[in-house]
Amino acid sequence: MSQNKPRVIKDFNKLEPELQEQIKLTYPFGFSDHLITFTNKDGLLVSALPFETDEKYYLLRMTEREAIKIIEADEDYDDDGNLKQGVRDEYEEKYSDLDYLADSVADDDGDDSYDDD
């Protein structure tokens, strides 16, 4: 992760649809296995899904249970929690010009300084 990018904590459902689609491409088999935990500015332990764009580093607040529910309710995912191939193909074509989608998901570097959005 780039050290000079703004860091934002946000709820998945408050993101623009285009960003949600990009996240689905990054996590085509669901979110729950990719959650990280960190201590927020209030000293509370929080779980979140990391996602990095060219401009920002996001932590999308969600518990494991919420992550599973998001996928179960999303018609882009099949009954097994996998992004449907047709949807995946559509999103890959739509966002083929975004280099950061080709990069692997950044690991938590232990830095807890995030802007709560």
PDB file of N, CA and C in Angstrom:
ATOM      1  N   MET A   1       0.843  -1.176   0.000  1.00  0.00           N
ATOM      2  CA  MET A   1       0.000   0.000   0.000  1.00  0.00           C
ATOM      3  C   MET A   1       0.887   1.237   0.000  1.00  0.00           C
ATOM      4  N   SER A   2       0.488   2.189  -0.781  1.00  0.00           N
ATOM      5  CA  SER A   2       1.217   3.450  -0.833  1.00  0.00           C
ATOM      6  C   SER A   2       0.969   4.249   0.435  1.00  0.00           C
ATOM      7  N   GLN A   3       2.012   4.785   1.021  1.00  0.00           N
ATOM      8  CA  GLN A   3       1.909   5.513   2.277  1.00  0.00           C
ATOM      9  C   GLN A   3       1.259   6.886   2.123  1.00  0.00           C
ATOM     10  N   ASN A   4       1.206   7.438   0.917  1.00  0.00           N
ATOM     11  CA  ASN A   4       0.693   8.795   0.764  1.00  0.00           C
ATOM     12  C   ASN A   4      -0.757   8.855   0.292  1.00  0.00           C
ATOM     13  N   LYS A   5      -1.439   7.742   0.190  1.00  0.00           N
ATOM     14  CA  LYS A   5      -2.840   7.733  -0.213  1.00  0.00           C
ATOM     15  C   LYS A   5      -3.734   8.038   0.974  1.00  0.00           C
ATOM     16  N   PRO A   6      -4.831   8.760   0.719  1.00  0.00           N
ATOM     17  CA  PRO A   6      -5.818   8.930   1.788  1.00  0.00           C
ATOM     18  C   PRO A   6      -6.374   7.564   2.181  1.00  0.00           C
ATOM     19  N   ARG A   7      -6.606   7.383   3.463  1.00  0.00           N
ATOM     20  CA  ARG A   7      -7.139   6.124   3.983  1.00  0.00           C
ATOM     21  C   ARG A   7      -8.537   6.398   4.507  1.00  0.00           C
ATOM     22  N   VAL A   8      -9.481   5.606   4.041  1.00  0.00           N
ATOM     23  CA  VAL A   8     -10.887   5.867   4.324  1.00  0.00           C
ATOM     24  C   VAL A   8     -11.556   4.617   4.873  1.00  0.00           C
ATOM     25  N   ILE A   9     -12.301   4.791   5.959  1.00  0.00           N
ATOM     26  CA  ILE A   9     -13.133   3.726   6.500  1.00  0.00           C
ATOM     27  C   ILE A   9     -14.565   4.046   6.095  1.00  0.00           C
ATOM     28  N   LYS A  10     -15.223   3.080   5.469  1.00  0.00           N
ATOM     29  CA  LYS A  10     -16.557   3.345   4.941  1.00  0.00           C
ATOM     30  C   LYS A  10     -17.363   2.047   4.955  1.00  0.00           C
ATOM     31  N   ASP A  11     -18.675   2.174   4.926  1.00  0.00           N
ATOM     32  CA  ASP A  11     -19.548   1.006   4.811  1.00  0.00           C
ATOM     33  C   ASP A  11     -19.684   0.638   3.340  1.00  0.00           C
ATOM     34  N   PHE A  12     -19.692  -0.665   3.057  1.00  0.00           N
ATOM     35  CA  PHE A  12     -19.784  -1.154   1.685  1.00  0.00           C
ATOM     36  C   PHE A  12     -21.018  -0.582   0.982  1.00  0.00           C
ATOM     37  N   ASN A  13     -22.157  -0.578   1.667  1.00  0.00           N
ATOM     38  CA  ASN A  13     -23.398  -0.147   1.024  1.00  0.00           C
ATOM     39  C   ASN A  13     -23.441   1.360   0.757  1.00  0.00           C
ATOM     40  N   LYS A  14     -22.474   2.112   1.251  1.00  0.00           N
ATOM     41  CA  LYS A  14     -22.419   3.556   1.000  1.00  0.00           C
ATOM     42  C   LYS A  14     -21.471   3.914  -0.141  1.00  0.00           C
ATOM     43  N   LEU A  15     -20.869   2.910  -0.759  1.00  0.00           N
ATOM     44  CA  LEU A  15     -19.968   3.141  -1.889  1.00  0.00           C
ATOM     45  C   LEU A  15     -20.766   3.307  -3.182  1.00  0.00           C
ATOM     46  N   GLU A  16     -20.157   3.999  -4.141  1.00  0.00           N
ATOM     47  CA  GLU A  16     -20.758   4.112  -5.458  1.00  0.00           C
ATOM     48  C   GLU A  16     -20.849   2.711  -6.084  1.00  0.00           C
ATOM     49  N   PRO A  17     -21.877   2.459  -6.902  1.00  0.00           N
ATOM     50  CA  PRO A  17     -22.029   1.133  -7.529  1.00  0.00           C
ATOM     51  C   PRO A  17     -20.794   0.687  -8.312  1.00  0.00           C
ATOM     52  N   GLU A  18     -20.113   1.622  -8.972  1.00  0.00           N
ATOM     53  CA  GLU A  18     -18.920   1.253  -9.749  1.00  0.00           C
ATOM     54  C   GLU A  18     -17.821   0.720  -8.842  1.00  0.00           C
ATOM     55  N   LEU A  19     -17.659   1.316  -7.688  1.00  0.00           N
ATOM     56  CA  LEU A  19     -16.642   0.852  -6.749  1.00  0.00           C
ATOM     57  C   LEU A  19     -17.034  -0.509  -6.172  1.00  0.00           C
ATOM     58  N   GLN A  20     -18.307  -0.713  -5.907  1.00  0.00           N
ATOM     59  CA  GLN A  20     -18.779  -2.017  -5.438  1.00  0.00           C
ATOM     60  C   GLN A  20     -18.485  -3.101  -6.478  1.00  0.00           C
ATOM     61  N   GLU A  21     -18.688  -2.782  -7.751  1.00  0.00           N
ATOM     62  CA  GLU A  21     -18.403  -3.752  -8.819  1.00  0.00           C
ATOM     63  C   GLU A  21     -16.918  -4.094  -8.852  1.00  0.00           C
ATOM     64  N   GLN A  22     -16.064  -3.102  -8.680  1.00  0.00           N
ATOM     65  CA  GLN A  22     -14.622  -3.342  -8.683  1.00  0.00           C
ATOM     66  C   GLN A  22     -14.214  -4.222  -7.502  1.00  0.00           C
ATOM     67  N   ILE A  23     -14.855  -4.017  -6.377  1.00  0.00           N
ATOM     68  CA  ILE A  23     -14.565  -4.833  -5.194  1.00  0.00           C
ATOM     69  C   ILE A  23     -14.995  -6.280  -5.436  1.00  0.00           C
ATOM     70  N   LYS A  24     -16.121  -6.456  -6.093  1.00  0.00           N
ATOM     71  CA  LYS A  24     -16.584  -7.810  -6.427  1.00  0.00           C
ATOM     72  C   LYS A  24     -15.571  -8.520  -7.327  1.00  0.00           C
ATOM     73  N   LEU A  25     -14.975  -7.786  -8.254  1.00  0.00           N
ATOM     74  CA  LEU A  25     -13.934  -8.375  -9.108  1.00  0.00           C
ATOM     75  C   LEU A  25     -12.716  -8.785  -8.300  1.00  0.00           C
ATOM     76  N   THR A  26     -12.375  -7.989  -7.319  1.00  0.00           N
ATOM     77  CA  THR A  26     -11.218  -8.280  -6.478  1.00  0.00           C
ATOM     78  C   THR A  26     -11.489  -9.478  -5.568  1.00  0.00           C
ATOM     79  N   TYR A  27     -12.734  -9.637  -5.152  1.00  0.00           N
ATOM     80  CA  TYR A  27     -13.136 -10.716  -4.242  1.00  0.00           C
ATOM     81  C   TYR A  27     -14.265 -11.540  -4.859  1.00  0.00           C
ATOM     82  N   PRO A  28     -13.985 -12.270  -5.955  1.00  0.00           N
ATOM     83  CA  PRO A  28     -15.056 -12.993  -6.649  1.00  0.00           C
ATOM     84  C   PRO A  28     -15.613 -14.188  -5.870  1.00  0.00           C
ATOM     85  N   PHE A  29     -14.960 -14.599  -4.808  1.00  0.00           N
ATOM     86  CA  PHE A  29     -15.430 -15.746  -4.027  1.00  0.00           C
ATOM     87  C   PHE A  29     -15.932 -15.324  -2.652  1.00  0.00           C
ATOM     88  N   GLY A  30     -16.296 -14.047  -2.522  1.00  0.00           N
ATOM     89  CA  GLY A  30     -16.850 -13.552  -1.270  1.00  0.00           C
ATOM     90  C   GLY A  30     -15.853 -12.749  -0.472  1.00  0.00           C
ATOM     91  N   PHE A  31     -16.361 -12.133   0.593  1.00  0.00           N
ATOM     92  CA  PHE A  31     -15.568 -11.203   1.382  1.00  0.00           C
ATOM     93  C   PHE A  31     -15.072 -11.765   2.705  1.00  0.00           C
ATOM     94  N   SER A  32     -15.809 -12.700   3.287  1.00  0.00           N
ATOM     95  CA  SER A  32     -15.578 -13.089   4.685  1.00  0.00           C
ATOM     96  C   SER A  32     -14.181 -13.638   4.952  1.00  0.00           C
ATOM     97  N   ASP A  33     -13.575 -14.304   3.989  1.00  0.00           N
ATOM     98  CA  ASP A  33     -12.233 -14.861   4.193  1.00  0.00           C
ATOM     99  C   ASP A  33     -11.131 -13.815   4.072  1.00  0.00           C
ATOM    100  N   HIS A  34     -11.487 -12.591   3.723  1.00  0.00           N
ATOM    101  CA  HIS A  34     -10.487 -11.555   3.478  1.00  0.00           C
ATOM    102  C   HIS A  34     -10.554 -10.401   4.470  1.00  0.00           C
ATOM    103  N   LEU A  35     -11.368 -10.538   5.485  1.00  0.00           N
ATOM    104  CA  LEU A  35     -11.505  -9.473   6.474  1.00  0.00           C
ATOM    105  C   LEU A  35     -10.247  -9.359   7.323  1.00  0.00           C
ATOM    106  N   ILE A  36      -9.919  -8.145   7.678  1.00  0.00           N
ATOM    107  CA  ILE A  36      -8.818  -7.871   8.592  1.00  0.00           C
ATOM    108  C   ILE A  36      -9.390  -7.177   9.824  1.00  0.00           C
ATOM    109  N   THR A  37      -8.638  -7.149  10.891  1.00  0.00           N
ATOM    110  CA  THR A  37      -9.068  -6.423  12.080  1.00  0.00           C
ATOM    111  C   THR A  37      -8.039  -5.341  12.394  1.00  0.00           C
ATOM    112  N   PHE A  38      -8.528  -4.250  12.959  1.00  0.00           N
ATOM    113  CA  PHE A  38      -7.664  -3.153  13.352  1.00  0.00           C
ATOM    114  C   PHE A  38      -8.345  -2.413  14.496  1.00  0.00           C
ATOM    115  N   THR A  39      -7.577  -1.609  15.175  1.00  0.00           N
ATOM    116  CA  THR A  39      -8.109  -0.797  16.259  1.00  0.00           C
ATOM    117  C   THR A  39      -8.433   0.579  15.696  1.00  0.00           C
ATOM    118  N   ASN A  40      -9.686   1.011  15.873  1.00  0.00           N
ATOM    119  CA  ASN A  40     -10.083   2.315  15.326  1.00  0.00           C
ATOM    120  C   ASN A  40      -9.641   3.445  16.253  1.00  0.00           C
ATOM    121  N   LYS A  41      -9.998   4.668  15.890  1.00  0.00           N
ATOM    122  CA  LYS A  41      -9.561   5.844  16.653  1.00  0.00           C
ATOM    123  C   LYS A  41     -10.115   5.879  18.063  1.00  0.00           C
ATOM    124  N   ASP A  42     -11.210   5.118  18.322  1.00  0.00           N
ATOM    125  CA  ASP A  42     -11.815   5.049  19.652  1.00  0.00           C
ATOM    126  C   ASP A  42     -11.278   3.876  20.473  1.00  0.00           C
ATOM    127  N   GLY A  43     -10.292   3.157  19.919  1.00  0.00           N
ATOM    128  CA  GLY A  43      -9.697   2.036  20.630  1.00  0.00           C
ATOM    129  C   GLY A  43     -10.489   0.743  20.521  1.00  0.00           C
ATOM    130  N   LEU A  44     -11.483   0.700  19.633  1.00  0.00           N
ATOM    131  CA  LEU A  44     -12.298  -0.501  19.461  1.00  0.00           C
ATOM    132  C   LEU A  44     -11.742  -1.367  18.340  1.00  0.00           C
ATOM    133  N   LEU A  45     -11.827  -2.679  18.516  1.00  0.00           N
ATOM    134  CA  LEU A  45     -11.402  -3.614  17.485  1.00  0.00           C
ATOM    135  C   LEU A  45     -12.502  -3.707  16.433  1.00  0.00           C
ATOM    136  N   VAL A  46     -12.144  -3.479  15.190  1.00  0.00           N
ATOM    137  CA  VAL A  46     -13.094  -3.435  14.083  1.00  0.00           C
ATOM    138  C   VAL A  46     -12.616  -4.383  12.992  1.00  0.00           C
ATOM    139  N   SER A  47     -13.557  -5.037  12.309  1.00  0.00           N
ATOM    140  CA  SER A  47     -13.197  -5.851  11.151  1.00  0.00           C
ATOM    141  C   SER A  47     -13.625  -5.119   9.889  1.00  0.00           C
ATOM    142  N   ALA A  48     -12.847  -5.313   8.829  1.00  0.00           N
ATOM    143  CA  ALA A  48     -13.110  -4.596   7.583  1.00  0.00           C
ATOM    144  C   ALA A  48     -12.485  -5.347   6.407  1.00  0.00           C
ATOM    145  N   LEU A  49     -12.993  -5.033   5.239  1.00  0.00           N
ATOM    146  CA  LEU A  49     -12.474  -5.577   3.995  1.00  0.00           C
ATOM    147  C   LEU A  49     -11.558  -4.530   3.369  1.00  0.00           C
ATOM    148  N   PRO A  50     -10.280  -4.847   3.123  1.00  0.00           N
ATOM    149  CA  PRO A  50      -9.391  -3.857   2.507  1.00  0.00           C
ATOM    150  C   PRO A  50      -9.603  -3.795   0.999  1.00  0.00           C
ATOM    151  N   PHE A  51      -9.500  -2.596   0.457  1.00  0.00           N
ATOM    152  CA  PHE A  51      -9.582  -2.407  -0.994  1.00  0.00           C
ATOM    153  C   PHE A  51      -8.816  -1.143  -1.356  1.00  0.00           C
ATOM    154  N   GLU A  52      -7.924  -1.259  -2.320  1.00  0.00           N
ATOM    155  CA  GLU A  52      -7.068  -0.139  -2.706  1.00  0.00           C
ATOM    156  C   GLU A  52      -7.314   0.243  -4.161  1.00  0.00           C
ATOM    157  N   THR A  53      -7.490   1.543  -4.390  1.00  0.00           N
ATOM    158  CA  THR A  53      -7.574   2.087  -5.742  1.00  0.00           C
ATOM    159  C   THR A  53      -6.319   2.909  -5.994  1.00  0.00           C
ATOM    160  N   ASP A  54      -6.247   3.541  -7.135  1.00  0.00           N
ATOM    161  CA  ASP A  54      -5.109   4.416  -7.417  1.00  0.00           C
ATOM    162  C   ASP A  54      -5.108   5.636  -6.509  1.00  0.00           C
ATOM    163  N   GLU A  55      -6.305   6.043  -6.068  1.00  0.00           N
ATOM    164  CA  GLU A  55      -6.423   7.270  -5.288  1.00  0.00           C
ATOM    165  C   GLU A  55      -6.529   7.062  -3.784  1.00  0.00           C
ATOM    166  N   LYS A  56      -7.137   5.947  -3.341  1.00  0.00           N
ATOM    167  CA  LYS A  56      -7.431   5.763  -1.919  1.00  0.00           C
ATOM    168  C   LYS A  56      -7.210   4.320  -1.477  1.00  0.00           C
ATOM    169  N   TYR A  57      -7.036   4.178  -0.156  1.00  0.00           N
ATOM    170  CA  TYR A  57      -7.003   2.865   0.474  1.00  0.00           C
ATOM    171  C   TYR A  57      -8.237   2.793   1.378  1.00  0.00           C
ATOM    172  N   TYR A  58      -9.140   1.870   1.062  1.00  0.00           N
ATOM    173  CA  TYR A  58     -10.387   1.731   1.796  1.00  0.00           C
ATOM    174  C   TYR A  58     -10.330   0.574   2.776  1.00  0.00           C
ATOM    175  N   LEU A  59     -10.984   0.759   3.903  1.00  0.00           N
ATOM    176  CA  LEU A  59     -11.339  -0.327   4.799  1.00  0.00           C
ATOM    177  C   LEU A  59     -12.855  -0.283   4.898  1.00  0.00           C
ATOM    178  N   LEU A  60     -13.490  -1.332   4.403  1.00  0.00           N
ATOM    179  CA  LEU A  60     -14.949  -1.382   4.345  1.00  0.00           C
ATOM    180  C   LEU A  60     -15.455  -2.145   5.550  1.00  0.00           C
ATOM    181  N   ARG A  61     -16.039  -1.390   6.478  1.00  0.00           N
ATOM    182  CA  ARG A  61     -16.500  -1.965   7.743  1.00  0.00           C
ATOM    183  C   ARG A  61     -17.518  -3.068   7.501  1.00  0.00           C
ATOM    184  N   MET A  62     -17.243  -4.230   8.096  1.00  0.00           N
ATOM    185  CA  MET A  62     -18.211  -5.323   8.090  1.00  0.00           C
ATOM    186  C   MET A  62     -17.708  -6.436   8.995  1.00  0.00           C
ATOM    187  N   THR A  63     -18.661  -7.092   9.637  1.00  0.00           N
ATOM    188  CA  THR A  63     -18.330  -8.279  10.412  1.00  0.00           C
ATOM    189  C   THR A  63     -18.359  -9.468   9.460  1.00  0.00           C
ATOM    190  N   GLU A  64     -17.914 -10.615   9.934  1.00  0.00           N
ATOM    191  CA  GLU A  64     -17.967 -11.814   9.095  1.00  0.00           C
ATOM    192  C   GLU A  64     -19.412 -12.127   8.725  1.00  0.00           C
ATOM    193  N   ARG A  65     -20.311 -12.003   9.687  1.00  0.00           N
ATOM    194  CA  ARG A  65     -21.731 -12.268   9.426  1.00  0.00           C
ATOM    195  C   ARG A  65     -22.282 -11.302   8.367  1.00  0.00           C
ATOM    196  N   GLU A  66     -21.926 -10.020   8.480  1.00  0.00           N
ATOM    197  CA  GLU A  66     -22.381  -9.037   7.489  1.00  0.00           C
ATOM    198  C   GLU A  66     -21.799  -9.339   6.111  1.00  0.00           C
ATOM    199  N   ALA A  67     -20.546  -9.748   6.067  1.00  0.00           N
ATOM    200  CA  ALA A  67     -19.900 -10.084   4.798  1.00  0.00           C
ATOM    201  C   ALA A  67     -20.643 -11.223   4.102  1.00  0.00           C
ATOM    202  N   ILE A  68     -21.034 -12.216   4.867  1.00  0.00           N
ATOM    203  CA  ILE A  68     -21.771 -13.353   4.303  1.00  0.00           C
ATOM    204  C   ILE A  68     -23.147 -12.905   3.823  1.00  0.00           C
ATOM    205  N   LYS A  69     -23.830 -12.080   4.611  1.00  0.00           N
ATOM    206  CA  LYS A  69     -25.167 -11.595   4.231  1.00  0.00           C
ATOM    207  C   LYS A  69     -25.120 -10.736   2.969  1.00  0.00           C
ATOM    208  N   ILE A  70     -24.094  -9.910   2.828  1.00  0.00           N
ATOM    209  CA  ILE A  70     -23.960  -9.073   1.635  1.00  0.00           C
ATOM    210  C   ILE A  70     -23.897  -9.947   0.392  1.00  0.00           C
ATOM    211  N   ILE A  71     -23.094 -10.986   0.447  1.00  0.00           N
ATOM    212  CA  ILE A  71     -22.938 -11.887  -0.700  1.00  0.00           C
ATOM    213  C   ILE A  71     -24.228 -12.662  -0.957  1.00  0.00           C
ATOM    214  N   GLU A  72     -24.864 -13.173   0.098  1.00  0.00           N
ATOM    215  CA  GLU A  72     -26.105 -13.934  -0.062  1.00  0.00           C
ATOM    216  C   GLU A  72     -27.207 -13.093  -0.707  1.00  0.00           C
ATOM    217  N   ALA A  73     -27.259 -11.810  -0.400  1.00  0.00           N
ATOM    218  CA  ALA A  73     -28.311 -10.941  -0.919  1.00  0.00           C
ATOM    219  C   ALA A  73     -28.000 -10.364  -2.305  1.00  0.00           C
ATOM    220  N   ASP A  74     -26.765 -10.532  -2.758  1.00  0.00           N
ATOM    221  CA  ASP A  74     -26.331  -9.925  -4.018  1.00  0.00           C
ATOM    222  C   ASP A  74     -26.589 -10.880  -5.182  1.00  0.00           C
ATOM    223  N   GLU A  75     -27.382 -10.435  -6.135  1.00  0.00           N
ATOM    224  CA  GLU A  75     -27.722 -11.270  -7.287  1.00  0.00           C
ATOM    225  C   GLU A  75     -26.544 -11.526  -8.218  1.00  0.00           C
ATOM    226  N   ASP A  76     -25.445 -10.791  -8.052  1.00  0.00           N
ATOM    227  CA  ASP A  76     -24.248 -11.019  -8.868  1.00  0.00           C
ATOM    228  C   ASP A  76     -23.511 -12.286  -8.447  1.00  0.00           C
ATOM    229  N   TYR A  77     -23.837 -12.805  -7.265  1.00  0.00           N
ATOM    230  CA  TYR A  77     -23.193 -14.013  -6.746  1.00  0.00           C
ATOM    231  C   TYR A  77     -24.156 -15.189  -6.817  1.00  0.00           C
ATOM    232  N   ASP A  78     -23.611 -16.389  -7.064  1.00  0.00           N
ATOM    233  CA  ASP A  78     -24.448 -17.584  -7.122  1.00  0.00           C
ATOM    234  C   ASP A  78     -24.718 -18.121  -5.713  1.00  0.00           C
ATOM    235  N   ASP A  79     -25.431 -19.232  -5.633  1.00  0.00           N
ATOM    236  CA  ASP A  79     -25.807 -19.809  -4.340  1.00  0.00           C
ATOM    237  C   ASP A  79     -24.606 -20.269  -3.517  1.00  0.00           C
ATOM    238  N   ASP A  80     -23.469 -20.499  -4.173  1.00  0.00           N
ATOM    239  CA  ASP A  80     -22.252 -20.925  -3.470  1.00  0.00           C
ATOM    240  C   ASP A  80     -21.390 -19.739  -3.034  1.00  0.00           C
ATOM    241  N   GLY A  81     -21.862 -18.525  -3.312  1.00  0.00           N
ATOM    242  CA  GLY A  81     -21.098 -17.342  -2.910  1.00  0.00           C
ATOM    243  C   GLY A  81     -20.000 -16.951  -3.874  1.00  0.00           C
ATOM    244  N   ASN A  82     -20.110 -17.391  -5.129  1.00  0.00           N
ATOM    245  CA  ASN A  82     -19.120 -17.066  -6.148  1.00  0.00           C
ATOM    246  C   ASN A  82     -19.715 -16.088  -7.154  1.00  0.00           C
ATOM    247  N   LEU A  83     -18.910 -15.118  -7.580  1.00  0.00           N
ATOM    248  CA  LEU A  83     -19.357 -14.161  -8.580  1.00  0.00           C
ATOM    249  C   LEU A  83     -19.697 -14.926  -9.855  1.00  0.00           C
ATOM    250  N   LYS A  84     -20.895 -14.705 -10.378  1.00  0.00           N
ATOM    251  CA  LYS A  84     -21.335 -15.407 -11.586  1.00  0.00           C
ATOM    252  C   LYS A  84     -20.406 -15.070 -12.741  1.00  0.00           C
ATOM    253  N   GLN A  85     -20.098 -16.068 -13.567  1.00  0.00           N
ATOM    254  CA  GLN A  85     -19.127 -15.894 -14.638  1.00  0.00           C
ATOM    255  C   GLN A  85     -19.524 -14.788 -15.601  1.00  0.00           C
ATOM    256  N   GLY A  86     -20.790 -14.702 -15.979  1.00  0.00           N
ATOM    257  CA  GLY A  86     -21.232 -13.644 -16.886  1.00  0.00           C
ATOM    258  C   GLY A  86     -21.035 -12.261 -16.292  1.00  0.00           C
ATOM    259  N   VAL A  87     -21.311 -12.130 -15.019  1.00  0.00           N
ATOM    260  CA  VAL A  87     -21.119 -10.860 -14.319  1.00  0.00           C
ATOM    261  C   VAL A  87     -19.635 -10.537 -14.254  1.00  0.00           C
ATOM    262  N   ARG A  88     -18.861 -11.551 -13.927  1.00  0.00           N
ATOM    263  CA  ARG A  88     -17.399 -11.356 -13.829  1.00  0.00           C
ATOM    264  C   ARG A  88     -16.825 -10.897 -15.169  1.00  0.00           C
ATOM    265  N   ASP A  89     -17.258 -11.549 -16.254  1.00  0.00           N
ATOM    266  CA  ASP A  89     -16.792 -11.165 -17.591  1.00  0.00           C
ATOM    267  C   ASP A  89     -17.178  -9.726 -17.918  1.00  0.00           C
ATOM    268  N   GLU A  90     -18.418  -9.352 -17.587  1.00  0.00           N
ATOM    269  CA  GLU A  90     -18.898  -7.988 -17.837  1.00  0.00           C
ATOM    270  C   GLU A  90     -18.066  -6.958 -17.078  1.00  0.00           C
ATOM    271  N   TYR A  91     -17.813  -7.214 -15.795  1.00  0.00           N
ATOM    272  CA  TYR A  91     -17.047  -6.276 -14.978  1.00  0.00           C
ATOM    273  C   TYR A  91     -15.592  -6.224 -15.409  1.00  0.00           C
ATOM    274  N   GLU A  92     -15.025  -7.371 -15.799  1.00  0.00           N
ATOM    275  CA  GLU A  92     -13.632  -7.372 -16.261  1.00  0.00           C
ATOM    276  C   GLU A  92     -13.484  -6.517 -17.508  1.00  0.00           C
ATOM    277  N   GLU A  93     -14.457  -6.613 -18.412  1.00  0.00           N
ATOM    278  CA  GLU A  93     -14.412  -5.795 -19.621  1.00  0.00           C
ATOM    279  C   GLU A  93     -14.621  -4.319 -19.277  1.00  0.00           C
ATOM    280  N   LYS A  94     -15.577  -4.047 -18.417  1.00  0.00           N
ATOM    281  CA  LYS A  94     -15.915  -2.676 -18.029  1.00  0.00           C
ATOM    282  C   LYS A  94     -14.748  -1.959 -17.354  1.00  0.00           C
ATOM    283  N   TYR A  95     -13.959  -2.696 -16.560  1.00  0.00           N
ATOM    284  CA  TYR A  95     -12.878  -2.085 -15.780  1.00  0.00           C
ATOM    285  C   TYR A  95     -11.496  -2.551 -16.229  1.00  0.00           C
ATOM    286  N   SER A  96     -11.382  -2.981 -17.469  1.00  0.00           N
ATOM    287  CA  SER A  96     -10.107  -3.514 -17.966  1.00  0.00           C
ATOM    288  C   SER A  96      -8.986  -2.478 -17.984  1.00  0.00           C
ATOM    289  N   ASP A  97      -9.335  -1.198 -17.964  1.00  0.00           N
ATOM    290  CA  ASP A  97      -8.318  -0.154 -18.011  1.00  0.00           C
ATOM    291  C   ASP A  97      -7.787   0.238 -16.635  1.00  0.00           C
ATOM    292  N   LEU A  98      -8.287  -0.390 -15.574  1.00  0.00           N
ATOM    293  CA  LEU A  98      -7.861  -0.044 -14.216  1.00  0.00           C
ATOM    294  C   LEU A  98      -6.747  -0.981 -13.756  1.00  0.00           C
ATOM    295  N   ASP A  99      -5.541  -0.463 -13.720  1.00  0.00           N
ATOM    296  CA  ASP A  99      -4.378  -1.275 -13.357  1.00  0.00           C
ATOM    297  C   ASP A  99      -4.471  -1.832 -11.943  1.00  0.00           C
ATOM    298  N   TYR A 100      -5.047  -1.069 -11.025  1.00  0.00           N
ATOM    299  CA  TYR A 100      -5.065  -1.528  -9.638  1.00  0.00           C
ATOM    300  C   TYR A 100      -5.902  -2.783  -9.435  1.00  0.00           C
ATOM    301  N   LEU A 101      -6.787  -3.087 -10.351  1.00  0.00           N
ATOM    302  CA  LEU A 101      -7.558  -4.322 -10.221  1.00  0.00           C
ATOM    303  C   LEU A 101      -6.708  -5.550 -10.535  1.00  0.00           C
ATOM    304  N   ALA A 102      -5.653  -5.353 -11.264  1.00  0.00           N
ATOM    305  CA  ALA A 102      -4.744  -6.458 -11.567  1.00  0.00           C
ATOM    306  C   ALA A 102      -3.805  -6.742 -10.405  1.00  0.00           C
ATOM    307  N   ASP A 103      -3.622  -5.758  -9.543  1.00  0.00           N
ATOM    308  CA  ASP A 103      -2.731  -5.919  -8.394  1.00  0.00           C
ATOM    309  C   ASP A 103      -3.401  -6.786  -7.332  1.00  0.00           C
ATOM    310  N   SER A 104      -2.600  -7.425  -6.524  1.00  0.00           N
ATOM    311  CA  SER A 104      -3.152  -8.207  -5.415  1.00  0.00           C
ATOM    312  C   SER A 104      -3.640  -7.283  -4.321  1.00  0.00           C
ATOM    313  N   VAL A 105      -4.529  -7.774  -3.479  1.00  0.00           N
ATOM    314  CA  VAL A 105      -5.061  -6.989  -2.386  1.00  0.00           C
ATOM    315  C   VAL A 105      -3.951  -6.723  -1.387  1.00  0.00           C
ATOM    316  N   ALA A 106      -3.842  -5.471  -0.961  1.00  0.00           N
ATOM    317  CA  ALA A 106      -2.791  -5.080  -0.016  1.00  0.00           C
ATOM    318  C   ALA A 106      -3.018  -5.710   1.345  1.00  0.00           C
ATOM    319  N   ASP A 107      -1.927  -6.057   2.004  1.00  0.00           N
ATOM    320  CA  ASP A 107      -2.004  -6.591   3.366  1.00  0.00           C
ATOM    321  C   ASP A 107      -2.029  -5.452   4.353  1.00  0.00           C
ATOM    322  N   ASP A 108      -2.534  -5.718   5.526  1.00  0.00           N
ATOM    323  CA  ASP A 108      -2.534  -4.715   6.589  1.00  0.00           C
ATOM    324  C   ASP A 108      -1.104  -4.479   7.024  1.00  0.00           C
ATOM    325  N   ASP A 109      -0.672  -3.214   7.003  1.00  0.00           N
ATOM    326  CA  ASP A 109       0.708  -2.902   7.381  1.00  0.00           C
ATOM    327  C   ASP A 109       0.845  -2.491   8.839  1.00  0.00           C
ATOM    328  N   GLY A 110      -0.267  -2.627   9.596  1.00  0.00           N
ATOM    329  CA  GLY A 110      -0.210  -2.306  11.012  1.00  0.00           C
ATOM    330  C   GLY A 110      -0.427  -0.855  11.336  1.00  0.00           C
ATOM    331  N   ASP A 111      -0.535   0.006  10.337  1.00  0.00           N
ATOM    332  CA  ASP A 111      -0.750   1.432  10.563  1.00  0.00           C
ATOM    333  C   ASP A 111      -2.243   1.673  10.746  1.00  0.00           C
ATOM    334  N   ASP A 112      -2.631   2.184  11.892  1.00  0.00           N
ATOM    335  CA  ASP A 112      -4.036   2.327  12.222  1.00  0.00           C
ATOM    336  C   ASP A 112      -4.579   3.724  11.967  1.00  0.00           C
ATOM    337  N   SER A 113      -3.889   4.541  11.178  1.00  0.00           N
ATOM    338  CA  SER A 113      -4.346   5.915  10.981  1.00  0.00           C
ATOM    339  C   SER A 113      -5.253   6.005   9.754  1.00  0.00           C
ATOM    340  N   TYR A 114      -6.553   5.890   9.998  1.00  0.00           N
ATOM    341  CA  TYR A 114      -7.547   5.950   8.942  1.00  0.00           C
ATOM    342  C   TYR A 114      -8.535   7.053   9.223  1.00  0.00           C
ATOM    343  N   ASP A 115      -9.054   7.660   8.166  1.00  0.00           N
ATOM    344  CA  ASP A 115     -10.090   8.672   8.304  1.00  0.00           C
ATOM    345  C   ASP A 115     -11.436   7.982   8.276  1.00  0.00           C
ATOM    346  N   ASP A 116     -12.208   8.143   9.329  1.00  0.00           N
ATOM    347  CA  ASP A 116     -13.538   7.564   9.388  1.00  0.00           C
ATOM    348  C   ASP A 116     -14.465   8.398   8.527  1.00  0.00           C
ATOM    349  N   ASP A 117     -15.081   7.794   7.514  1.00  0.00           N
ATOM    350  CA  ASP A 117     -15.919   8.511   6.568  1.00  0.00           C
ATOM    351  C   ASP A 117     -17.364   8.111   6.715  1.00  0.00           C
TER     352      ASP A 117
END
